[in-house]
């Protein structure tokens, strides 16, 4: 915390400044100056611009559309060879600048950005430049909210409303004395013994959307997973869109939201809330994410700075 022009610079002060900046941009030129310095084809460092648009700003909530710079090959109707064209897939970004919350939430969309950290970094760099934080030796710190919920919590959250699906489950098998009371453990250890292997890995996969891996509603599936957990097997859950989670390690919190919630906020379409008043569903949804002790046991990890960005306070 420090002072600028007689004003105390705190987290709440910066949050207000961010909100003011986003609101002014939305009312004038609805875009942010997002760029990163990269090496071009001539091996020269140059800024790479990311096209974006502030779709809506209201009451401290920002809905931003950010596009990546990609290329893809297409086959023209009148050609015999594929040609490469520019491709600019986008993802949604929700920024919550309300007084009680400071958050950047990025849509997991692999065809746009493989890593959501890239988008967060672009926005953090923009805020640091726009408010002159780097010149003031003030560094923005990114806190990732993590999930320590049960394996079933993780699957439920990521697959809610069909937004993602489990496509693989890998089980690491370490040679040890089998638990005779646990039939799954006994079977896995017998496989290692028969093949004279000290360790191994069993991987289950499915590309069929109609088939569910880790279906909690099936008693046999739940009992099998519970027996694996009981005997401390390491499991990796592969999701179609949101990457791989190793159970037992901290996983990044993922919150499900329907596309219609963002679309209605974008178009300014109010909805009837549970209290009988009109409002935006996105605001209600964000309110459920503010508490640190919410139902899914999300916590904050140790603070870490982005390499090469900003200066220490």
Protein backbone atom coordinates (compact mmCIF):
# COMPACT_ATOMS: atom_id res chain seq x y z
CA UNK A 1 0.00 0.00 0.00
CA UNK A 2 1.36 3.43 -0.92
CA UNK A 3 0.19 6.90 -1.94
CA UNK A 4 -0.19 8.59 -5.30
CA UNK A 5 -1.18 12.27 -5.46
CA UNK A 6 -2.23 12.06 -1.84
CA UNK A 7 -4.50 9.07 -2.39
CA UNK A 8 -3.93 5.77 -0.67
CA UNK A 9 -3.39 3.02 -3.24
CA UNK A 10 -5.02 -0.15 -1.99
CA UNK A 11 -6.69 -3.16 -3.61
CA UNK A 12 -10.09 -1.45 -3.37
CA UNK A 13 -8.68 1.78 -4.90
CA UNK A 14 -7.22 -0.14 -7.86
CA UNK A 15 -10.46 -2.06 -8.28
CA UNK A 16 -12.35 1.22 -8.58
CA UNK A 17 -9.84 2.49 -11.13
CA UNK A 18 -10.17 -0.69 -13.21
CA UNK A 19 -13.96 -0.42 -13.12
CA UNK A 20 -13.79 3.24 -14.23
CA UNK A 21 -11.41 2.41 -17.07
CA UNK A 22 -13.55 -0.46 -18.38
CA UNK A 23 -16.72 1.64 -18.15
CA UNK A 24 -15.12 4.55 -20.03
CA UNK A 25 -13.80 2.22 -22.73
CA UNK A 26 -17.22 0.59 -23.09
CA UNK A 27 -18.88 3.97 -23.62
CA UNK A 28 -16.27 5.28 -26.07
CA UNK A 29 -14.07 2.76 -27.89
CA UNK A 30 -15.20 -0.65 -26.55
CA UNK A 31 -11.87 -2.45 -26.70
CA UNK A 32 -8.68 -2.88 -24.68
CA UNK A 33 -5.14 -2.48 -25.96
CA UNK A 34 -4.16 -6.13 -25.52
CA UNK A 35 -0.79 -7.19 -26.88
CA UNK A 36 2.24 -9.31 -26.12
CA UNK A 37 5.81 -8.94 -27.37
CA UNK A 38 6.75 -11.91 -29.54
CA UNK A 39 9.35 -12.85 -32.11
CA UNK A 40 8.02 -12.58 -35.68
CA UNK A 41 8.99 -14.57 -38.78
CA UNK A 42 11.94 -12.24 -39.32
CA UNK A 43 13.22 -13.15 -35.81
CA UNK A 44 12.47 -9.62 -34.66
CA UNK A 45 10.58 -8.77 -31.48
CA UNK A 46 7.31 -7.06 -32.23
CA UNK A 47 3.94 -6.59 -30.52
CA UNK A 48 1.26 -9.12 -31.36
CA UNK A 49 -2.17 -7.49 -31.10
CA UNK A 50 -5.17 -9.45 -29.80
CA UNK A 51 -8.47 -8.23 -31.20
CA UNK A 52 -11.10 -7.87 -28.49
CA UNK A 53 -14.37 -6.17 -27.72
CA UNK A 54 -16.08 -5.13 -24.51
CA UNK A 55 -19.51 -6.61 -25.10
CA UNK A 56 -21.05 -5.11 -21.99
CA UNK A 57 -20.22 -3.24 -18.79
CA UNK A 58 -22.74 -2.87 -16.01
CA UNK A 59 -22.43 -2.41 -12.24
CA UNK A 60 -18.79 -3.41 -12.17
CA UNK A 61 -19.22 -6.53 -14.31
CA UNK A 62 -17.40 -6.69 -17.64
CA UNK A 63 -18.03 -9.16 -20.44
CA UNK A 64 -15.11 -9.22 -22.86
CA UNK A 65 -14.59 -11.15 -26.09
CA UNK A 66 -10.91 -11.91 -26.82
CA UNK A 67 -9.71 -13.39 -30.11
CA UNK A 68 -6.51 -15.34 -30.71
CA UNK A 69 -4.34 -15.08 -33.83
CA UNK A 70 -4.29 -18.44 -35.56
CA UNK A 71 -4.17 -20.00 -39.00
CA UNK A 72 -5.98 -22.95 -40.45
CA UNK A 73 -6.02 -24.80 -43.76
CA UNK A 74 -9.15 -24.92 -45.90
CA UNK A 75 -9.93 -26.47 -49.27
CA UNK A 76 -11.51 -23.94 -51.67
CA UNK A 77 -14.18 -25.34 -53.98
CA UNK A 78 -12.27 -24.32 -57.11
CA UNK A 79 -8.83 -25.48 -55.91
CA UNK A 80 -7.02 -28.80 -55.70
CA UNK A 81 -4.76 -27.82 -52.82
CA UNK A 82 -5.55 -26.55 -49.35
CA UNK A 83 -4.68 -22.95 -48.56
CA UNK A 84 -3.84 -21.38 -45.20
CA UNK A 85 -6.07 -18.57 -43.97
CA UNK A 86 -6.10 -16.37 -40.88
CA UNK A 87 -8.29 -17.69 -38.10
CA UNK A 88 -9.43 -15.70 -35.05
CA UNK A 89 -11.35 -17.94 -32.60
CA UNK A 90 -12.61 -16.17 -29.47
CA UNK A 91 -13.36 -16.91 -25.83
CA UNK A 92 -15.44 -15.06 -23.26
CA UNK A 93 -13.81 -13.28 -20.33
CA UNK A 94 -15.79 -12.11 -17.30
CA UNK A 95 -14.17 -9.49 -15.09
CA UNK A 96 -15.77 -8.79 -11.74
CA UNK A 97 -14.70 -5.35 -10.53
CA UNK A 98 -17.42 -4.89 -7.94
CA UNK A 99 -16.23 -3.59 -4.54
CA UNK A 100 -16.63 -6.96 -2.83
CA UNK A 101 -14.89 -8.96 -5.53
CA UNK A 102 -11.84 -8.88 -7.79
CA UNK A 103 -11.81 -11.68 -10.31
CA UNK A 104 -10.97 -12.58 -13.91
CA UNK A 105 -12.77 -15.64 -15.23
CA UNK A 106 -11.78 -17.02 -18.63
CA UNK A 107 -13.84 -19.44 -20.67
CA UNK A 108 -12.02 -22.73 -21.24
CA UNK A 109 -12.05 -23.03 -25.02
CA UNK A 110 -9.11 -24.94 -26.43
CA UNK A 111 -9.68 -23.92 -30.04
CA UNK A 112 -9.18 -20.29 -28.96
CA UNK A 113 -6.53 -20.42 -26.20
CA UNK A 114 -4.94 -23.63 -24.96
CA UNK A 115 -4.10 -21.99 -21.65
CA UNK A 116 -6.39 -19.52 -19.89
CA UNK A 117 -3.32 -18.03 -18.16
CA UNK A 118 -2.42 -16.43 -21.51
CA UNK A 119 -5.63 -14.39 -21.50
CA UNK A 120 -5.28 -13.45 -17.83
CA UNK A 121 -1.71 -12.30 -18.51
CA UNK A 122 -2.82 -10.04 -21.38
CA UNK A 123 -5.44 -8.36 -19.17
CA UNK A 124 -3.12 -7.99 -16.17
CA UNK A 125 -0.45 -6.43 -18.39
CA UNK A 126 -3.03 -4.04 -19.85
CA UNK A 127 -4.19 -2.95 -16.39
CA UNK A 128 -0.59 -2.46 -15.22
CA UNK A 129 0.23 -0.30 -18.27
CA UNK A 130 -3.03 1.67 -18.27
CA UNK A 131 -2.80 2.64 -14.62
CA UNK A 132 0.98 3.10 -14.70
CA UNK A 133 1.53 0.51 -11.98
CA UNK A 134 4.89 -0.65 -13.32
CA UNK A 135 6.24 2.92 -13.21
CA UNK A 136 5.12 3.12 -9.59
CA UNK A 137 6.92 -0.15 -8.76
CA UNK A 138 3.57 -1.76 -8.00
CA UNK A 139 3.08 -5.33 -9.13
CA UNK A 140 -0.24 -7.05 -9.72
CA UNK A 141 -0.34 -10.52 -8.19
CA UNK A 142 -2.47 -13.32 -9.65
CA UNK A 143 -4.16 -15.58 -7.09
CA UNK A 144 -5.54 -18.76 -8.61
CA UNK A 145 -8.46 -20.30 -6.82
CA UNK A 146 -7.95 -24.02 -6.46
CA UNK A 147 -10.27 -26.95 -5.82
CA UNK A 148 -9.67 -29.59 -3.18
CA UNK A 149 -13.09 -31.22 -3.55
CA UNK A 150 -13.71 -34.95 -3.91
CA UNK A 151 -13.15 -36.64 -7.25
CA UNK A 152 -16.93 -36.61 -7.78
CA UNK A 153 -17.10 -32.84 -7.04
CA UNK A 154 -14.46 -32.16 -9.69
CA UNK A 155 -16.28 -34.24 -12.30
CA UNK A 156 -19.68 -32.71 -11.46
CA UNK A 157 -18.44 -29.13 -11.72
CA UNK A 158 -16.58 -29.59 -14.99
CA UNK A 159 -19.31 -31.60 -16.71
CA UNK A 160 -22.32 -29.58 -15.49
CA UNK A 161 -24.88 -28.84 -18.21
CA UNK A 162 -22.84 -30.80 -20.75
CA UNK A 163 -20.07 -28.18 -20.87
CA UNK A 164 -17.39 -30.89 -20.79
CA UNK A 165 -17.03 -34.66 -20.56
CA UNK A 166 -14.62 -37.20 -19.11
CA UNK A 167 -12.82 -38.90 -21.97
CA UNK A 168 -10.17 -40.87 -20.08
CA UNK A 169 -9.22 -42.26 -16.70
CA UNK A 170 -5.66 -43.40 -15.97
CA UNK A 171 -4.77 -45.43 -12.90
CA UNK A 172 -1.14 -45.66 -11.78
CA UNK A 173 -0.35 -49.11 -10.38
CA UNK A 174 2.63 -49.45 -8.04
CA UNK A 175 3.77 -52.91 -7.02
CA UNK A 176 2.85 -53.56 -3.39
CA UNK A 177 1.30 -56.20 -1.23
CA UNK A 178 -2.36 -56.41 -2.29
CA UNK A 179 -5.20 -55.72 0.09
CA UNK A 180 -7.00 -59.08 0.18
CA UNK A 181 -10.18 -57.36 1.32
CA UNK A 182 -10.21 -55.08 -1.74
CA UNK A 183 -11.04 -56.97 -4.95
CA UNK A 184 -9.99 -54.11 -7.25
CA UNK A 185 -6.60 -53.81 -5.56
CA UNK A 186 -6.12 -57.59 -5.69
CA UNK A 187 -6.93 -57.72 -9.42
CA UNK A 188 -4.58 -54.86 -10.35
CA UNK A 189 -1.71 -56.26 -8.32
CA UNK A 190 -2.26 -59.69 -9.88
CA UNK A 191 -1.83 -58.16 -13.36
CA UNK A 192 1.55 -56.73 -12.36
CA UNK A 193 2.58 -60.04 -10.83
CA UNK A 194 1.56 -62.10 -13.88
CA UNK A 195 3.44 -59.77 -16.24
CA UNK A 196 6.44 -59.52 -13.88
CA UNK A 197 6.23 -55.71 -13.96
CA UNK A 198 7.24 -53.52 -10.99
CA UNK A 199 4.65 -50.90 -11.89
CA UNK A 200 2.18 -50.03 -14.62
CA UNK A 201 -0.69 -47.83 -15.74
CA UNK A 202 -4.23 -48.73 -16.75
CA UNK A 203 -5.89 -46.24 -19.08
CA UNK A 204 -9.58 -46.22 -19.95
CA UNK A 205 -10.74 -44.02 -22.83
CA UNK A 206 -13.92 -43.22 -24.72
CA UNK A 207 -14.53 -40.91 -27.68
CA UNK A 208 -18.23 -41.77 -27.66
CA UNK A 209 -20.24 -38.90 -26.16
CA UNK A 210 -23.00 -41.36 -25.29
CA UNK A 211 -20.71 -43.34 -22.99
CA UNK A 212 -19.89 -41.90 -19.59
CA UNK A 213 -16.64 -42.67 -17.82
CA UNK A 214 -16.93 -42.05 -14.07
CA UNK A 215 -20.72 -42.19 -13.95
CA UNK A 216 -21.48 -41.56 -10.28
CA UNK A 217 -25.03 -42.86 -10.64
CA UNK A 218 -23.74 -46.40 -11.26
CA UNK A 219 -23.06 -48.19 -8.01
CA UNK A 220 -20.35 -50.45 -9.46
CA UNK A 221 -18.45 -47.46 -10.83
CA UNK A 222 -18.66 -45.57 -7.55
CA UNK A 223 -17.61 -48.60 -5.50
CA UNK A 224 -14.65 -49.26 -7.80
CA UNK A 225 -13.41 -45.68 -7.56
CA UNK A 226 -13.93 -45.68 -3.79
CA UNK A 227 -11.79 -48.83 -3.52
CA UNK A 228 -9.05 -47.20 -5.61
CA UNK A 229 -9.11 -44.13 -3.36
CA UNK A 230 -9.10 -46.32 -0.26
CA UNK A 231 -5.84 -47.93 -1.41
CA UNK A 232 -4.30 -44.58 -2.43
CA UNK A 233 -4.06 -45.20 -6.16
CA UNK A 234 -3.09 -42.17 -8.22
CA UNK A 235 -5.69 -41.32 -10.84
CA UNK A 236 -5.63 -38.87 -13.74
CA UNK A 237 -8.95 -37.71 -15.16
CA UNK A 238 -8.80 -36.49 -18.76
CA UNK A 239 -11.48 -34.00 -19.78
CA UNK A 240 -12.36 -33.31 -23.39
CA UNK A 241 -12.04 -29.51 -23.07
CA UNK A 242 -10.50 -28.63 -19.71
CA UNK A 243 -7.37 -30.75 -19.69
CA UNK A 244 -6.21 -33.35 -17.18
CA UNK A 245 -6.59 -33.39 -13.40
CA UNK A 246 -4.52 -35.66 -11.18
CA UNK A 247 -6.66 -36.60 -8.23
CA UNK A 248 -4.96 -35.90 -4.96
CA UNK A 249 -3.22 -32.81 -6.34
CA UNK A 250 -4.71 -29.34 -6.26
CA UNK A 251 -6.73 -28.64 -9.39
CA UNK A 252 -7.76 -25.21 -10.67
CA UNK A 253 -11.33 -24.40 -9.78
CA UNK A 254 -13.69 -24.55 -12.76
CA UNK A 255 -17.16 -23.02 -12.55
CA UNK A 256 -19.92 -24.03 -14.92
CA UNK A 257 -22.02 -21.33 -16.60
CA UNK A 258 -24.55 -21.65 -19.41
CA UNK A 259 -23.80 -19.81 -22.66
CA UNK A 260 -27.25 -18.21 -22.42
CA UNK A 261 -26.21 -16.39 -19.22
CA UNK A 262 -23.40 -14.58 -21.06
CA UNK A 263 -25.54 -14.07 -24.16
CA UNK A 264 -28.39 -12.49 -22.18
CA UNK A 265 -25.99 -10.15 -20.39
CA UNK A 266 -24.39 -9.26 -23.74
CA UNK A 267 -27.78 -8.32 -25.22
CA UNK A 268 -28.96 -6.54 -22.08
CA UNK A 269 -31.81 -9.01 -21.56
CA UNK A 270 -33.04 -8.92 -17.97
CA UNK A 271 -34.45 -12.05 -16.35
CA UNK A 272 -36.83 -12.63 -13.46
CA UNK A 273 -34.84 -13.57 -10.37
CA UNK A 274 -35.91 -15.71 -7.41
CA UNK A 275 -36.72 -12.59 -5.36
CA UNK A 276 -39.29 -11.56 -7.97
CA UNK A 277 -37.16 -8.71 -9.31
CA UNK A 278 -35.56 -8.37 -12.73
CA UNK A 279 -31.82 -8.70 -13.01
CA UNK A 280 -28.96 -10.45 -14.73
CA UNK A 281 -28.33 -14.13 -14.07
CA UNK A 282 -24.60 -13.48 -14.46
CA UNK A 283 -24.66 -11.28 -11.33
CA UNK A 284 -26.39 -14.00 -9.32
CA UNK A 285 -23.88 -16.55 -10.62
CA UNK A 286 -20.92 -14.34 -9.69
CA UNK A 287 -22.32 -13.85 -6.19
CA UNK A 288 -22.01 -17.60 -5.59
CA UNK A 289 -18.29 -17.42 -6.39
CA UNK A 290 -17.36 -14.60 -4.03
CA UNK A 291 -17.28 -16.53 -0.72
CA UNK A 292 -14.00 -18.34 -0.03
CA UNK A 293 -15.79 -21.10 1.88
CA UNK A 294 -18.27 -22.05 -0.83
CA UNK A 295 -19.74 -25.51 -1.26
CA UNK A 296 -16.91 -26.85 -3.40
CA UNK A 297 -14.09 -26.20 -0.90
CA UNK A 298 -12.14 -23.82 -3.12
CA UNK A 299 -9.01 -22.26 -1.61
CA UNK A 300 -6.29 -19.86 -2.70
CA UNK A 301 -2.80 -21.08 -3.40
CA UNK A 302 0.40 -19.33 -2.38
CA UNK A 303 0.82 -16.14 -4.36
CA UNK A 304 3.09 -16.35 -7.38
CA UNK A 305 4.24 -13.60 -9.72
CA UNK A 306 4.26 -13.79 -13.52
CA UNK A 307 7.80 -14.25 -14.74
CA UNK A 308 9.27 -11.14 -16.30
CA UNK A 309 6.21 -9.00 -15.76
CA UNK A 310 6.19 -5.98 -13.46
CA UNK A 311 8.41 -5.23 -10.49
CA UNK A 312 8.28 -6.08 -6.87
CA UNK A 313 6.47 -3.66 -4.66
